[in-house]
N, C-alpha and C. Protein backbone atom coordinates (compact mmCIF):
# COMPACT_ATOMS: atom_id res chain seq x y z
N MET A 1 1.05 -1.18 -0.04
CA MET A 1 -0.17 0.00 0.03
C MET A 1 0.80 0.98 0.02
N ALA A 2 0.65 2.09 -1.21
CA ALA A 2 1.13 3.88 -0.62
C ALA A 2 1.68 4.35 0.18
N LEU A 3 2.27 5.09 1.32
CA LEU A 3 2.35 5.25 2.10
C LEU A 3 1.43 6.45 2.36
N GLY A 4 0.87 6.86 3.16
CA GLY A 4 0.15 8.09 2.90
C GLY A 4 -1.44 8.06 2.61
N ALA A 5 -1.68 7.42 1.13
CA ALA A 5 -3.01 6.77 0.99
C ALA A 5 -3.78 6.08 1.15
N ARG A 6 -5.00 6.71 1.07
CA ARG A 6 -6.39 6.42 1.94
C ARG A 6 -6.94 5.12 1.43
N GLN A 7 -7.40 3.91 1.67
CA GLN A 7 -8.06 2.84 1.10
C GLN A 7 -8.82 3.00 -0.26
N THR A 8 -9.91 4.20 0.04
CA THR A 8 -10.61 4.28 -1.18
C THR A 8 -9.91 5.16 -2.23
N GLU A 9 -8.66 5.65 -2.15
CA GLU A 9 -7.81 6.36 -2.84
C GLU A 9 -6.73 5.16 -3.77
N LEU A 10 -6.83 4.24 -3.23
CA LEU A 10 -5.56 3.17 -3.92
C LEU A 10 -6.62 2.32 -4.50
N THR A 11 -8.56 2.26 -4.25
CA THR A 11 -9.04 1.14 -4.62
C THR A 11 -9.70 1.90 -5.81
N ARG A 12 -9.67 3.39 -5.66
CA ARG A 12 -10.25 3.83 -6.74
C ARG A 12 -9.59 4.24 -8.05
N MET A 13 -8.04 4.05 -7.67
CA MET A 13 -7.28 4.46 -8.52
C MET A 13 -7.13 3.31 -9.20
N PHE A 14 -6.54 1.49 -8.24
CA PHE A 14 -6.81 0.11 -9.23
C PHE A 14 -7.83 0.41 -10.15
N ILE A 15 -8.72 0.57 -9.99
CA ILE A 15 -10.15 0.11 -10.57
C ILE A 15 -9.93 1.25 -12.00
N SER A 16 -10.12 2.12 -11.47
CA SER A 16 -10.21 3.53 -13.39
C SER A 16 -8.85 3.13 -13.82
N HIS A 17 -7.90 2.67 -13.53
CA HIS A 17 -7.06 1.82 -14.61
C HIS A 17 -7.14 0.67 -15.06
N GLY A 18 -7.79 0.14 -14.34
CA GLY A 18 -8.26 -1.54 -15.20
C GLY A 18 -9.57 -0.99 -15.84
N PHE A 19 -10.21 0.12 -15.49
CA PHE A 19 -11.64 0.44 -16.24
C PHE A 19 -11.36 0.92 -17.56
N ALA A 20 -10.10 1.70 -17.78
CA ALA A 20 -9.50 2.32 -18.34
C ALA A 20 -8.92 1.56 -19.79
N LEU A 21 -8.36 0.69 -19.43
CA LEU A 21 -7.36 -0.84 -20.01
C LEU A 21 -8.21 -1.31 -20.80
N ALA A 22 -9.70 -1.85 -20.03
CA ALA A 22 -10.76 -2.62 -20.68
C ALA A 22 -11.63 -1.54 -21.56
N ALA A 23 -11.96 -0.35 -21.46
CA ALA A 23 -12.61 0.39 -22.40
C ALA A 23 -11.68 0.53 -23.36
N ILE A 24 -10.38 0.94 -23.86
CA ILE A 24 -9.70 0.83 -24.89
C ILE A 24 -9.88 -0.56 -25.79
N GLY A 25 -9.49 -1.44 -24.72
CA GLY A 25 -9.92 -2.70 -25.53
C GLY A 25 -10.99 -2.70 -26.02
N VAL A 26 -12.05 -2.67 -25.49
CA VAL A 26 -13.55 -2.89 -25.81
C VAL A 26 -13.84 -1.74 -27.15
N ALA A 27 -13.18 -0.71 -27.27
CA ALA A 27 -13.41 0.30 -28.11
C ALA A 27 -13.24 -0.66 -29.52
N CYS A 28 -11.69 -0.96 -29.12
CA CYS A 28 -10.41 -1.16 -30.27
C CYS A 28 -11.42 -3.10 -30.82
N GLY A 29 -11.82 -3.48 -30.05
CA GLY A 29 -12.68 -5.24 -30.40
C GLY A 29 -14.03 -4.32 -30.94
N LEU A 30 -14.13 -3.79 -30.91
CA LEU A 30 -15.82 -3.06 -31.85
C LEU A 30 -15.43 -3.05 -32.66
N ALA A 31 -14.35 -2.19 -32.67
CA ALA A 31 -14.34 -1.04 -33.94
C ALA A 31 -13.93 -2.67 -35.35
N ALA A 32 -12.68 -3.28 -34.56
CA ALA A 32 -12.35 -4.34 -35.95
C ALA A 32 -13.26 -5.36 -35.64
N ALA A 33 -14.78 -5.51 -34.47
CA ALA A 33 -15.56 -6.55 -35.23
C ALA A 33 -16.63 -5.95 -36.24
N PHE A 34 -16.68 -4.23 -36.51
CA PHE A 34 -17.91 -4.02 -37.26
C PHE A 34 -16.83 -3.92 -38.70
N ALA A 35 -15.43 -4.08 -38.83
CA ALA A 35 -14.76 -4.07 -39.81
C ALA A 35 -14.60 -5.80 -40.69
N LEU A 36 -14.99 -6.25 -39.69
CA LEU A 36 -14.73 -7.53 -40.27
C LEU A 36 -16.13 -8.85 -40.13
N THR A 37 -17.10 -7.71 -40.64
CA THR A 37 -18.34 -8.05 -40.40
C THR A 37 -18.83 -8.62 -40.95
N ARG A 38 -18.41 -8.61 -42.81
CA ARG A 38 -18.35 -9.64 -44.19
C ARG A 38 -17.71 -10.91 -43.84
N LEU A 39 -16.29 -10.84 -42.94
CA LEU A 39 -15.91 -12.41 -42.81
C LEU A 39 -16.87 -13.11 -41.68
N MET A 40 -16.94 -12.55 -40.60
CA MET A 40 -17.87 -12.87 -39.43
C MET A 40 -19.35 -13.35 -40.05
N SER A 41 -19.88 -12.76 -41.32
CA SER A 41 -20.81 -13.35 -41.61
C SER A 41 -20.92 -14.58 -41.81
N SER A 42 -19.90 -15.00 -42.20
CA SER A 42 -20.43 -16.96 -43.15
C SER A 42 -19.55 -17.43 -41.99
N LEU A 43 -18.75 -16.84 -40.76
CA LEU A 43 -18.62 -18.05 -39.39
C LEU A 43 -19.95 -18.02 -38.33
N LEU A 44 -20.79 -17.19 -38.27
CA LEU A 44 -21.82 -17.04 -37.46
C LEU A 44 -23.03 -17.67 -37.98
N PHE A 45 -23.83 -18.88 -37.38
CA PHE A 45 -25.19 -19.47 -37.61
C PHE A 45 -26.05 -18.38 -36.51
N GLY A 46 -27.03 -18.33 -36.94
CA GLY A 46 -28.27 -17.85 -36.53
C GLY A 46 -27.84 -16.43 -35.60
N VAL A 47 -27.06 -16.17 -35.89
CA VAL A 47 -26.73 -14.33 -35.01
C VAL A 47 -26.25 -13.47 -36.40
N ASN A 48 -26.84 -12.82 -36.44
CA ASN A 48 -26.78 -11.53 -37.24
C ASN A 48 -25.53 -10.49 -36.90
N PRO A 49 -24.67 -10.67 -38.19
CA PRO A 49 -23.08 -10.44 -37.05
C PRO A 49 -23.24 -8.62 -37.00
N VAL A 50 -24.16 -8.06 -36.89
CA VAL A 50 -24.29 -6.92 -36.42
C VAL A 50 -25.50 -6.39 -34.85
N ASP A 51 -25.27 -7.69 -34.65
CA ASP A 51 -26.69 -7.73 -33.23
C ASP A 51 -26.16 -6.48 -32.65
N PRO A 52 -26.79 -5.76 -32.09
CA PRO A 52 -26.14 -5.04 -31.09
C PRO A 52 -26.76 -5.18 -29.49
N PHE A 53 -27.42 -5.90 -29.32
CA PHE A 53 -27.54 -6.63 -28.16
C PHE A 53 -26.12 -7.97 -27.70
N THR A 54 -25.76 -8.67 -28.87
CA THR A 54 -24.65 -9.50 -28.55
C THR A 54 -23.71 -8.50 -28.02
N TYR A 55 -23.42 -7.69 -29.33
CA TYR A 55 -22.07 -6.53 -28.91
C TYR A 55 -22.66 -6.00 -27.58
N ALA A 56 -23.35 -5.71 -27.15
CA ALA A 56 -23.54 -5.10 -25.71
C ALA A 56 -23.32 -5.60 -24.37
N ALA A 57 -23.92 -6.79 -24.81
CA ALA A 57 -23.33 -8.16 -23.84
C ALA A 57 -22.22 -8.50 -23.56
N VAL A 58 -21.33 -8.82 -24.85
CA VAL A 58 -19.97 -9.23 -24.57
C VAL A 58 -19.58 -8.07 -24.14
N SER A 59 -19.30 -6.72 -24.64
CA SER A 59 -18.87 -5.76 -23.79
C SER A 59 -19.03 -5.36 -22.30
N ALA A 60 -20.66 -5.16 -22.34
CA ALA A 60 -20.82 -5.60 -20.46
C ALA A 60 -19.99 -5.92 -19.97
N GLY A 61 -19.82 -7.99 -20.26
CA GLY A 61 -19.22 -8.94 -19.66
C GLY A 61 -17.83 -8.25 -19.18
N LEU A 62 -17.17 -7.72 -20.36
CA LEU A 62 -15.76 -7.97 -20.35
C LEU A 62 -15.24 -6.58 -19.55
N ILE A 63 -16.32 -5.80 -19.53
CA ILE A 63 -15.76 -4.51 -18.34
C ILE A 63 -15.90 -4.77 -17.08
N PHE A 64 -17.12 -6.10 -16.84
CA PHE A 64 -17.14 -6.25 -15.48
C PHE A 64 -16.23 -7.41 -14.67
N ALA A 65 -15.85 -8.45 -15.86
CA ALA A 65 -15.12 -9.12 -15.66
C ALA A 65 -13.21 -8.20 -15.27
N ALA A 66 -12.91 -7.12 -16.18
CA ALA A 66 -11.71 -6.22 -15.74
C ALA A 66 -11.91 -5.20 -14.41
N VAL A 67 -12.84 -4.91 -14.25
CA VAL A 67 -13.36 -4.58 -13.02
C VAL A 67 -13.50 -5.26 -11.65
N LEU A 68 -13.74 -6.48 -11.83
CA LEU A 68 -13.22 -7.11 -11.08
C LEU A 68 -12.38 -8.04 -10.84
N ALA A 69 -11.47 -8.28 -11.78
CA ALA A 69 -10.05 -8.26 -11.64
C ALA A 69 -9.27 -7.31 -11.39
N SER A 70 -9.86 -5.80 -11.26
CA SER A 70 -9.31 -4.91 -10.86
C SER A 70 -9.17 -4.61 -9.18
N TYR A 71 -10.34 -4.90 -8.99
CA TYR A 71 -11.00 -4.48 -7.53
C TYR A 71 -10.09 -5.72 -6.72
N LEU A 72 -10.15 -6.89 -7.44
CA LEU A 72 -9.38 -8.18 -6.23
C LEU A 72 -8.42 -7.62 -5.75
N PRO A 73 -6.69 -7.21 -6.79
CA PRO A 73 -6.00 -6.73 -6.15
C PRO A 73 -6.05 -5.38 -5.38
N ALA A 74 -6.77 -4.84 -5.51
CA ALA A 74 -6.68 -3.92 -4.83
C ALA A 74 -7.30 -3.92 -3.51
N LEU A 75 -8.45 -5.01 -3.61
CA LEU A 75 -8.42 -5.32 -1.72
C LEU A 75 -7.19 -5.64 -1.05
N ARG A 76 -6.59 -6.88 -1.75
CA ARG A 76 -5.41 -7.43 -1.03
C ARG A 76 -4.42 -6.80 -0.73
N ALA A 77 -4.11 -5.31 -2.17
CA ALA A 77 -3.26 -4.23 -2.19
C ALA A 77 -3.62 -3.79 -0.20
N THR A 78 -4.98 -3.36 -0.05
CA THR A 78 -5.22 -2.34 0.61
C THR A 78 -5.14 -3.20 2.36
N ASN A 79 -5.14 -4.26 2.16
CA ASN A 79 -4.89 -4.99 3.69
C ASN A 79 -3.69 -4.98 4.38
N VAL A 80 -2.40 -4.84 3.17
CA VAL A 80 -0.99 -4.63 3.93
C VAL A 80 -0.72 -3.97 4.36
N ASP A 81 -0.17 -4.19 5.14
CA ASP A 81 0.08 -3.33 5.99
C ASP A 81 1.52 -1.97 5.93
N PRO A 82 1.83 -0.53 5.59
CA PRO A 82 2.97 -0.57 5.09
C PRO A 82 4.54 -1.07 6.03
N VAL A 83 3.70 -0.73 7.31
CA VAL A 83 5.23 -1.13 7.94
C VAL A 83 5.70 -2.56 7.93
N GLU A 84 4.90 -3.20 7.72
CA GLU A 84 5.38 -4.94 7.49
C GLU A 84 5.62 -5.17 5.93
N ALA A 85 5.17 -4.09 4.99
CA ALA A 85 5.71 -4.22 4.02
C ALA A 85 7.17 -3.65 3.83
N LEU A 86 7.43 -2.55 4.37
CA LEU A 86 8.94 -2.01 4.71
C LEU A 86 9.83 -2.66 4.82
N ARG A 87 9.47 -3.25 6.11
CA ARG A 87 10.22 -4.41 7.15
C ARG A 87 10.82 -5.87 6.09
N ALA A 88 10.11 -6.41 5.24
CA ALA A 88 9.78 -7.34 4.63
C ALA A 88 11.20 -6.94 3.15
N GLU A 89 10.92 -5.82 2.89
CA GLU A 89 11.96 -5.16 2.17
C GLU A 89 13.24 -4.84 2.58
């Protein structure tokens, strides 16, 4: 844990960085998916290649997974005693 940082600040920092990276990844993925719709249309069966519900559900799932993957290390980092961490170094 950073010396002098509050637990909420540290958690917010972890989650905001994880969310920003996930949002960039989702935006790049959506752009690539829209660019490759002709190729995808021959590979998909029973799903429209430009189905907004599918894109929204997958994007929301990926964002949720990224936020959860950022939140769990933030919890571990906030539970570390800074004095003990410095002694271990």
